[in-house]
Amino acid sequence: MIEPYSDEFFMQQALKEAGKGIKSEEVPVGAVIVAKNQIIARAHNLTELLNDVTAHAEMQAITAAAESLGGKYLVKCTLYVTLEPCVMCAGALNWSQISKIVYGATDERRGAGRYDKIYHPKTEVIGGILEDECKQLIQEFFRSKR
């Protein structure tokens, strides 16, 4: 059983968001941003729908969270995302000064973790939360495309 307000609980919410993207033929990446144990933003990839390579789940979530908070900085917020952020998203997360990033599956080819000091110095990064479920969702999506 997964405890409420745990990393696993919020990652499950991100997985639900990723599932929404599949219906639109989007790569199934989902994200939620949490402040004070409340989800303030939910998003999934919209790159196909918007025909915009920057419309990653993280970017959509950052924008929604900033709007929810009424400011551009996400200090004392946590991002839960099913796939390790790419360099573009890591840059935006750095500028947002988000306090914590929790991701599920590692992105060996495009993940920002390959670079030192890419995130804000005060940002804590944790990977591998519900990794198998996150990885399986993406693998099944690409398998269905072949």
C-alpha atoms as a PDB file:
ATOM      1  CA  MET A   1       0.000   0.000   0.000  1.00  0.00           C
ATOM      2  CA  ILE A   2       1.285   3.432  -0.933  1.00  0.00           C
ATOM      3  CA  GLU A   3       1.068   6.080   1.766  1.00  0.00           C
ATOM      4  CA  PRO A   4      -0.633   9.373   0.908  1.00  0.00           C
ATOM      5  CA  TYR A   5       1.689  12.336   0.441  1.00  0.00           C
ATOM      6  CA  SER A   6       4.660  10.085  -0.280  1.00  0.00           C
ATOM      7  CA  ASP A   7       6.905  10.239  -3.341  1.00  0.00           C
ATOM      8  CA  GLU A   8       5.223   7.068  -4.591  1.00  0.00           C
ATOM      9  CA  PHE A   9       1.738   8.550  -4.177  1.00  0.00           C
ATOM     10  CA  PHE A  10       2.576  11.664  -6.175  1.00  0.00           C
ATOM     11  CA  MET A  11       4.436   9.635  -8.821  1.00  0.00           C
ATOM     12  CA  GLN A  12       1.250   7.600  -9.299  1.00  0.00           C
ATOM     13  CA  GLN A  13      -0.505  10.885 -10.036  1.00  0.00           C
ATOM     14  CA  ALA A  14       2.169  11.714 -12.605  1.00  0.00           C
ATOM     15  CA  LEU A  15       1.643   8.261 -14.156  1.00  0.00           C
ATOM     16  CA  LYS A  16      -2.077   9.037 -14.496  1.00  0.00           C
ATOM     17  CA  GLU A  17      -1.155  12.225 -16.351  1.00  0.00           C
ATOM     18  CA  ALA A  18       1.195  10.274 -18.631  1.00  0.00           C
ATOM     19  CA  GLY A  19      -1.683   7.947 -19.476  1.00  0.00           C
ATOM     20  CA  LYS A  20      -3.724  10.912 -20.716  1.00  0.00           C
ATOM     21  CA  GLY A  21      -1.052  11.666 -23.289  1.00  0.00           C
ATOM     22  CA  ILE A  22      -1.318   8.244 -24.892  1.00  0.00           C
ATOM     23  CA  LYS A  23      -4.836   9.037 -26.090  1.00  0.00           C
ATOM     24  CA  SER A  24      -3.409  11.938 -28.103  1.00  0.00           C
ATOM     25  CA  GLU A  25      -0.491   9.894 -29.477  1.00  0.00           C
ATOM     26  CA  GLU A  26       1.887  11.766 -27.173  1.00  0.00           C
ATOM     27  CA  VAL A  27       4.972  10.142 -25.677  1.00  0.00           C
ATOM     28  CA  PRO A  28       3.546   9.191 -22.259  1.00  0.00           C
ATOM     29  CA  VAL A  29       5.331  11.505 -19.870  1.00  0.00           C
ATOM     30  CA  GLY A  30       3.349  12.986 -17.016  1.00  0.00           C
ATOM     31  CA  ALA A  31       4.157  15.522 -14.342  1.00  0.00           C
ATOM     32  CA  VAL A  32       2.646  17.020 -11.224  1.00  0.00           C
ATOM     33  CA  ILE A  33       3.953  19.845  -9.073  1.00  0.00           C
ATOM     34  CA  VAL A  34       3.238  19.751  -5.364  1.00  0.00           C
ATOM     35  CA  ALA A  35       3.305  22.509  -2.741  1.00  0.00           C
ATOM     36  CA  LYS A  36       2.401  21.821   0.900  1.00  0.00           C
ATOM     37  CA  ASN A  37       1.252  18.284  -0.022  1.00  0.00           C
ATOM     38  CA  GLN A  38      -1.250  19.673  -2.551  1.00  0.00           C
ATOM     39  CA  ILE A  39      -1.011  19.189  -6.306  1.00  0.00           C
ATOM     40  CA  ILE A  40      -0.942  22.674  -7.814  1.00  0.00           C
ATOM     41  CA  ALA A  41      -0.215  21.630 -11.412  1.00  0.00           C
ATOM     42  CA  ARG A  42      -0.831  18.568 -13.587  1.00  0.00           C
ATOM     43  CA  ALA A  43       0.481  18.100 -17.104  1.00  0.00           C
ATOM     44  CA  HIS A  44       1.465  15.644 -19.800  1.00  0.00           C
ATOM     45  CA  ASN A  45       3.324  16.003 -23.072  1.00  0.00           C
ATOM     46  CA  LEU A  46       1.519  18.135 -25.665  1.00  0.00           C
ATOM     47  CA  THR A  47       4.193  18.238 -28.367  1.00  0.00           C
ATOM     48  CA  GLU A  48       2.043  16.482 -30.984  1.00  0.00           C
ATOM     49  CA  LEU A  49      -1.192  18.296 -30.185  1.00  0.00           C
ATOM     50  CA  LEU A  50       0.447  21.733 -30.182  1.00  0.00           C
ATOM     51  CA  ASN A  51       3.049  20.885 -32.837  1.00  0.00           C
ATOM     52  CA  ASP A  52       5.600  22.356 -30.433  1.00  0.00           C
ATOM     53  CA  VAL A  53       8.827  20.615 -29.442  1.00  0.00           C
ATOM     54  CA  THR A  54       8.951  22.619 -26.208  1.00  0.00           C
ATOM     55  CA  ALA A  55       5.555  21.399 -24.947  1.00  0.00           C
ATOM     56  CA  HIS A  56       7.026  18.780 -22.613  1.00  0.00           C
ATOM     57  CA  ALA A  57       5.087  17.759 -19.508  1.00  0.00           C
ATOM     58  CA  GLU A  58       7.568  19.553 -17.254  1.00  0.00           C
ATOM     59  CA  MET A  59       7.302  22.815 -19.197  1.00  0.00           C
ATOM     60  CA  GLN A  60       3.503  22.674 -19.090  1.00  0.00           C
ATOM     61  CA  ALA A  61       3.592  21.931 -15.352  1.00  0.00           C
ATOM     62  CA  ILE A  62       6.026  24.775 -14.602  1.00  0.00           C
ATOM     63  CA  THR A  63       3.751  27.255 -16.369  1.00  0.00           C
ATOM     64  CA  ALA A  64       0.632  25.970 -14.597  1.00  0.00           C
ATOM     65  CA  ALA A  65       2.330  25.981 -11.182  1.00  0.00           C
ATOM     66  CA  ALA A  66       3.647  29.524 -11.636  1.00  0.00           C
ATOM     67  CA  GLU A  67       0.144  30.654 -12.554  1.00  0.00           C
ATOM     68  CA  SER A  68      -1.305  28.846  -9.535  1.00  0.00           C
ATOM     69  CA  LEU A  69       1.215  30.470  -7.184  1.00  0.00           C
ATOM     70  CA  GLY A  70       1.112  33.881  -8.816  1.00  0.00           C
ATOM     71  CA  GLY A  71       4.883  33.987  -9.295  1.00  0.00           C
ATOM     72  CA  LYS A  72       7.628  32.494 -11.416  1.00  0.00           C
ATOM     73  CA  TYR A  73       9.651  30.843  -8.647  1.00  0.00           C
ATOM     74  CA  LEU A  74       8.765  27.356  -7.430  1.00  0.00           C
ATOM     75  CA  VAL A  75      10.676  27.413  -4.167  1.00  0.00           C
ATOM     76  CA  LYS A  76       9.208  24.917  -1.674  1.00  0.00           C
ATOM     77  CA  CYS A  77       7.660  22.947  -4.563  1.00  0.00           C
ATOM     78  CA  THR A  78       8.375  19.436  -5.803  1.00  0.00           C
ATOM     79  CA  LEU A  79       8.106  18.207  -9.388  1.00  0.00           C
ATOM     80  CA  TYR A  80       7.151  14.559  -9.887  1.00  0.00           C
ATOM     81  CA  VAL A  81       7.765  13.413 -13.452  1.00  0.00           C
ATOM     82  CA  THR A  82       7.679   9.940 -14.949  1.00  0.00           C
ATOM     83  CA  LEU A  83      10.817  10.394 -17.062  1.00  0.00           C
ATOM     84  CA  GLU A  84      14.056  12.130 -16.155  1.00  0.00           C
ATOM     85  CA  PRO A  85      13.925  15.733 -17.457  1.00  0.00           C
ATOM     86  CA  CYS A  86      15.806  16.614 -20.629  1.00  0.00           C
ATOM     87  CA  VAL A  87      18.329  19.458 -20.788  1.00  0.00           C
ATOM     88  CA  MET A  88      15.693  21.971 -21.971  1.00  0.00           C
ATOM     89  CA  CYS A  89      13.385  21.146 -19.062  1.00  0.00           C
ATOM     90  CA  ALA A  90      16.313  21.102 -16.624  1.00  0.00           C
ATOM     91  CA  GLY A  91      17.176  24.644 -17.687  1.00  0.00           C
ATOM     92  CA  ALA A  92      13.621  25.821 -17.061  1.00  0.00           C
ATOM     93  CA  LEU A  93      13.565  24.004 -13.714  1.00  0.00           C
ATOM     94  CA  ASN A  94      16.841  25.692 -12.799  1.00  0.00           C
ATOM     95  CA  TRP A  95      15.373  29.125 -13.553  1.00  0.00           C
ATOM     96  CA  SER A  96      12.235  28.279 -11.552  1.00  0.00           C
ATOM     97  CA  GLN A  97      14.411  27.476  -8.505  1.00  0.00           C
ATOM     98  CA  ILE A  98      12.251  24.429  -7.764  1.00  0.00           C
ATOM     99  CA  SER A  99      13.235  22.831  -4.473  1.00  0.00           C
ATOM    100  CA  LYS A 100      12.952  19.154  -5.416  1.00  0.00           C
ATOM    101  CA  ILE A 101      12.701  17.010  -8.544  1.00  0.00           C
ATOM    102  CA  VAL A 102      11.560  13.397  -8.307  1.00  0.00           C
ATOM    103  CA  TYR A 103      11.572  11.300 -11.462  1.00  0.00           C
ATOM    104  CA  GLY A 104      10.693   7.730 -12.293  1.00  0.00           C
ATOM    105  CA  ALA A 105      12.640   6.318 -15.239  1.00  0.00           C
ATOM    106  CA  THR A 106      16.126   7.433 -16.200  1.00  0.00           C
ATOM    107  CA  ASP A 107      16.536   8.732 -19.747  1.00  0.00           C
ATOM    108  CA  GLU A 108      19.914   7.320 -20.756  1.00  0.00           C
ATOM    109  CA  ARG A 109      20.089   9.226 -24.053  1.00  0.00           C
ATOM    110  CA  ARG A 110      18.525  12.603 -23.318  1.00  0.00           C
ATOM    111  CA  GLY A 111      18.367  12.909 -19.537  1.00  0.00           C
ATOM    112  CA  ALA A 112      19.827  15.977 -17.883  1.00  0.00           C
ATOM    113  CA  GLY A 113      21.505  13.876 -15.212  1.00  0.00           C
ATOM    114  CA  ARG A 114      24.409  13.355 -17.580  1.00  0.00           C
ATOM    115  CA  TYR A 115      25.485  16.939 -16.890  1.00  0.00           C
ATOM    116  CA  ASP A 116      26.988  18.342 -13.712  1.00  0.00           C
ATOM    117  CA  LYS A 117      25.436  21.359 -12.040  1.00  0.00           C
ATOM    118  CA  ILE A 118      22.544  21.674 -14.513  1.00  0.00           C
ATOM    119  CA  TYR A 119      19.942  22.181 -11.787  1.00  0.00           C
ATOM    120  CA  HIS A 120      19.728  25.034  -9.308  1.00  0.00           C
ATOM    121  CA  PRO A 121      22.299  24.497  -6.522  1.00  0.00           C
ATOM    122  CA  LYS A 122      19.545  24.159  -3.900  1.00  0.00           C
ATOM    123  CA  THR A 123      17.466  21.668  -5.907  1.00  0.00           C
ATOM    124  CA  GLU A 124      17.357  18.112  -4.567  1.00  0.00           C
ATOM    125  CA  VAL A 125      17.048  15.430  -7.264  1.00  0.00           C
ATOM    126  CA  ILE A 126      15.803  11.891  -6.627  1.00  0.00           C
ATOM    127  CA  GLY A 127      15.427   9.268  -9.353  1.00  0.00           C
ATOM    128  CA  GLY A 128      13.984   5.790  -9.599  1.00  0.00           C
ATOM    129  CA  ILE A 129      10.616   6.287  -7.873  1.00  0.00           C
ATOM    130  CA  LEU A 130       8.197   3.721  -9.389  1.00  0.00           C
ATOM    131  CA  GLU A 131      10.861   3.301 -12.044  1.00  0.00           C
ATOM    132  CA  ASP A 132       9.555  -0.006 -13.409  1.00  0.00           C
ATOM    133  CA  GLU A 133       6.024   1.341 -13.952  1.00  0.00           C
ATOM    134  CA  CYS A 134       7.313   4.527 -15.563  1.00  0.00           C
ATOM    135  CA  LYS A 135       9.739   2.670 -17.819  1.00  0.00           C
ATOM    136  CA  GLN A 136       7.125   0.094 -18.825  1.00  0.00           C
ATOM    137  CA  LEU A 137       4.638   2.770 -19.908  1.00  0.00           C
ATOM    138  CA  ILE A 138       7.132   4.367 -22.282  1.00  0.00           C
ATOM    139  CA  GLN A 139       8.457   1.044 -23.575  1.00  0.00           C
ATOM    140  CA  GLU A 140       4.930  -0.203 -24.343  1.00  0.00           C
ATOM    141  CA  PHE A 141       4.138   3.058 -26.147  1.00  0.00           C
ATOM    142  CA  PHE A 142       7.166   2.785 -28.450  1.00  0.00           C
ATOM    143  CA  ARG A 143       6.644  -0.952 -28.937  1.00  0.00           C
ATOM    144  CA  SER A 144       3.122  -0.210 -30.221  1.00  0.00           C
ATOM    145  CA  LYS A 145       4.589   2.247 -32.761  1.00  0.00           C
ATOM    146  CA  ARG A 146       6.851  -0.347 -34.376  1.00  0.00           C
END
